[in-house]
């Protein structure tokens, strides 16, 4: 639940046009359309996290978002990347826990 709230809050902050968020996307030099796309992904994923059968897709989108955030923070932004890394790890756990939704019952088999 906390992971969904974190992504929803981040998406809403981007949607509301918080000046700091605009500055971040300007610093990355990717344009504000990426901010809009990120809003859709973050808020949509937070909602999908609670829809039965879509948790794995939400986890995968969370992971992709945090990979992008970590790369931006490591290369361009003067911010620590640890929060993005922690959210990325939690997202990966969500994806792993629900991997059966992506690959059917084969993913539920234990490795021997």
Protein backbone atom coordinates (compact mmCIF):
# COMPACT_ATOMS: atom_id res chain seq x y z
CA UNK A 1 0.00 0.00 0.00
CA UNK A 2 2.79 2.43 0.87
CA UNK A 3 4.47 1.84 -2.49
CA UNK A 4 1.24 2.73 -4.30
CA UNK A 5 0.83 5.84 -2.18
CA UNK A 6 4.41 6.92 -2.87
CA UNK A 7 3.95 6.63 -6.63
CA UNK A 8 0.51 8.24 -6.55
CA UNK A 9 1.84 11.17 -4.49
CA UNK A 10 4.78 11.63 -6.84
CA UNK A 11 2.45 11.54 -9.83
CA UNK A 12 0.05 14.04 -8.31
CA UNK A 13 2.94 16.40 -7.47
CA UNK A 14 4.03 16.25 -11.11
CA UNK A 15 0.44 16.76 -12.27
CA UNK A 16 -0.11 19.75 -10.00
CA UNK A 17 2.89 21.49 -11.54
CA UNK A 18 5.10 21.87 -8.49
CA UNK A 19 7.88 24.24 -9.59
CA UNK A 20 10.63 21.93 -8.32
CA UNK A 21 9.31 19.17 -10.59
CA UNK A 22 9.38 21.46 -13.62
CA UNK A 23 12.98 22.36 -12.76
CA UNK A 24 13.95 18.68 -12.51
CA UNK A 25 12.60 17.87 -15.97
CA UNK A 26 14.24 21.01 -17.38
CA UNK A 27 17.57 19.93 -15.86
CA UNK A 28 17.25 16.50 -17.47
CA UNK A 29 16.54 18.25 -20.81
CA UNK A 30 13.87 15.81 -21.93
CA UNK A 31 10.94 18.19 -22.11
CA UNK A 32 7.73 18.48 -20.19
CA UNK A 33 6.04 15.77 -22.25
CA UNK A 34 8.14 13.24 -20.31
CA UNK A 35 6.75 14.72 -17.08
CA UNK A 36 3.21 14.14 -18.40
CA UNK A 37 4.08 10.58 -19.44
CA UNK A 38 5.59 9.95 -16.01
CA UNK A 39 2.39 11.18 -14.36
CA UNK A 40 0.33 8.73 -16.39
CA UNK A 41 2.69 5.86 -15.59
CA UNK A 42 2.97 6.62 -11.86
CA UNK A 43 -0.71 7.26 -11.17
CA UNK A 44 -1.85 4.50 -13.51
CA UNK A 45 0.53 2.00 -11.92
CA UNK A 46 -0.59 3.00 -8.43
CA UNK A 47 -4.18 2.26 -9.45
CA UNK A 48 -3.26 -0.98 -11.25
CA UNK A 49 -1.46 -2.18 -8.11
CA UNK A 50 -4.90 -2.67 -6.54
CA UNK A 51 -6.63 -4.30 -9.51
CA UNK A 52 -6.52 -8.10 -9.31
CA UNK A 53 -4.41 -9.54 -12.11
CA UNK A 54 -2.59 -6.28 -12.87
CA UNK A 55 -0.17 -6.15 -9.94
CA UNK A 56 2.73 -7.59 -11.94
CA UNK A 57 2.30 -5.02 -14.72
CA UNK A 58 2.17 -2.27 -12.09
CA UNK A 59 5.36 -3.64 -10.53
CA UNK A 60 7.09 -3.73 -13.92
CA UNK A 61 6.09 -0.13 -14.64
CA UNK A 62 7.26 0.90 -11.16
CA UNK A 63 10.64 -0.76 -11.81
CA UNK A 64 11.05 0.95 -15.19
CA UNK A 65 10.17 4.31 -13.68
CA UNK A 66 12.72 3.90 -10.90
CA UNK A 67 15.43 2.80 -13.33
CA UNK A 68 14.88 6.04 -15.23
CA UNK A 69 14.86 8.07 -12.02
CA UNK A 70 18.06 6.43 -10.78
CA UNK A 71 19.84 7.06 -14.08
CA UNK A 72 18.76 10.70 -14.05
CA UNK A 73 19.88 11.16 -10.47
CA UNK A 74 23.22 9.46 -11.04
CA UNK A 75 24.08 11.34 -14.23
CA UNK A 76 22.33 14.72 -14.30
CA UNK A 77 20.63 15.67 -11.07
CA UNK A 78 22.50 16.71 -7.94
CA UNK A 79 20.20 14.57 -5.80
CA UNK A 80 20.95 11.34 -3.97
CA UNK A 81 19.76 8.28 -5.85
CA UNK A 82 19.12 6.17 -2.73
CA UNK A 83 15.36 6.96 -2.46
CA UNK A 84 14.85 5.94 -6.10
CA UNK A 85 16.93 2.82 -5.49
CA UNK A 86 14.86 1.84 -2.44
CA UNK A 87 11.60 2.37 -4.35
CA UNK A 88 13.08 0.39 -7.23
CA UNK A 89 13.92 -2.55 -4.98
CA UNK A 90 10.43 -2.49 -3.43
CA UNK A 91 8.97 -2.34 -6.94
CA UNK A 92 11.06 -5.33 -7.98
CA UNK A 93 9.76 -7.26 -4.97
CA UNK A 94 6.20 -6.42 -6.06
CA UNK A 95 6.98 -7.61 -9.57
CA UNK A 96 8.62 -10.82 -8.32
CA UNK A 97 5.78 -11.60 -5.91
CA UNK A 98 3.25 -11.32 -8.74
CA UNK A 99 5.31 -12.78 -11.58
CA UNK A 100 2.80 -15.59 -12.04
CA UNK A 101 0.42 -13.06 -13.57
CA UNK A 102 2.90 -12.46 -16.39
CA UNK A 103 4.06 -15.97 -17.16
CA UNK A 104 1.26 -18.20 -15.96
CA UNK A 105 1.85 -21.08 -13.58
CA UNK A 106 5.37 -21.76 -14.87
CA UNK A 107 6.71 -18.85 -12.82
CA UNK A 108 5.26 -20.31 -9.63
CA UNK A 109 7.39 -23.46 -9.91
CA UNK A 110 10.25 -23.58 -7.46
CA UNK A 111 13.82 -23.75 -8.71
CA UNK A 112 15.60 -26.90 -7.56
